[in-house]
Amino acid sequence: MSEPSLPPHAPSVVVDTEQPPEHIQEQVITACCQLLPGWKALPRESFKISTVSGGITNTLLKVEPPSCTDTDAAAIAQAPVVVRLYGRNTEVFIDRSRELRTLARVASHGVGSRVLASFATGRIESFLQGRSLEPVELAEPPVAALAAEAIAGLNVIPAMEVMPQLWTTLRSFYKQAQG
């Protein structure tokens, strides 16, 4: 099986998470308008941005484009997206290139959100509506059966190249600690 294609990457696009929230939001809208087809023509003042919970090291922002009646904009996907802003220095322990390849592979099998574009400090993903299940809900037989079925679906995805990361990561940490 051939590898799925990777989304466009724009290394020159940067969202500076050290800025005040209003500057971050403006930079996020700029990134979306630059990287998502058809978004450039949308009125920038009409975007809605909200924080999505669940990120451990990343900041997750839901970006909702304005609804549009313009005929040229009719073909534009008006679906909201999630902008994932990488946590500070997380590239030290997360191989972003490998992560993008993995996400593209699982998405090509219908699992998870699709990465629509990536940039220097984050990526843009399709938005999946949902919520986290509570432990008591997972104990319910119908829910447990659906969860097991979804997890089993992961096992049919062909594995990527086998490349253990533990020792590579530990060596990287050791080099960082040495200065």
Foldseek 3Di string as FASTA:
>chain_A
DDQFDFAAEAAVQDQDPVDPPVSSLVSVLVVCLVQFPLSVPADSVQKDKDWDDDDDQWTKIKIFTDDDDDPVSPPGPRAIKIKIFGHPPCVLQDVVVVVRSVQSQVVVLVDDWHFNYYYNGTTITGDDDDDDDDPVVCPPVVNVVVVVVNVVSVVVRDDDDDDDCPVVSVVSVVVVVVD
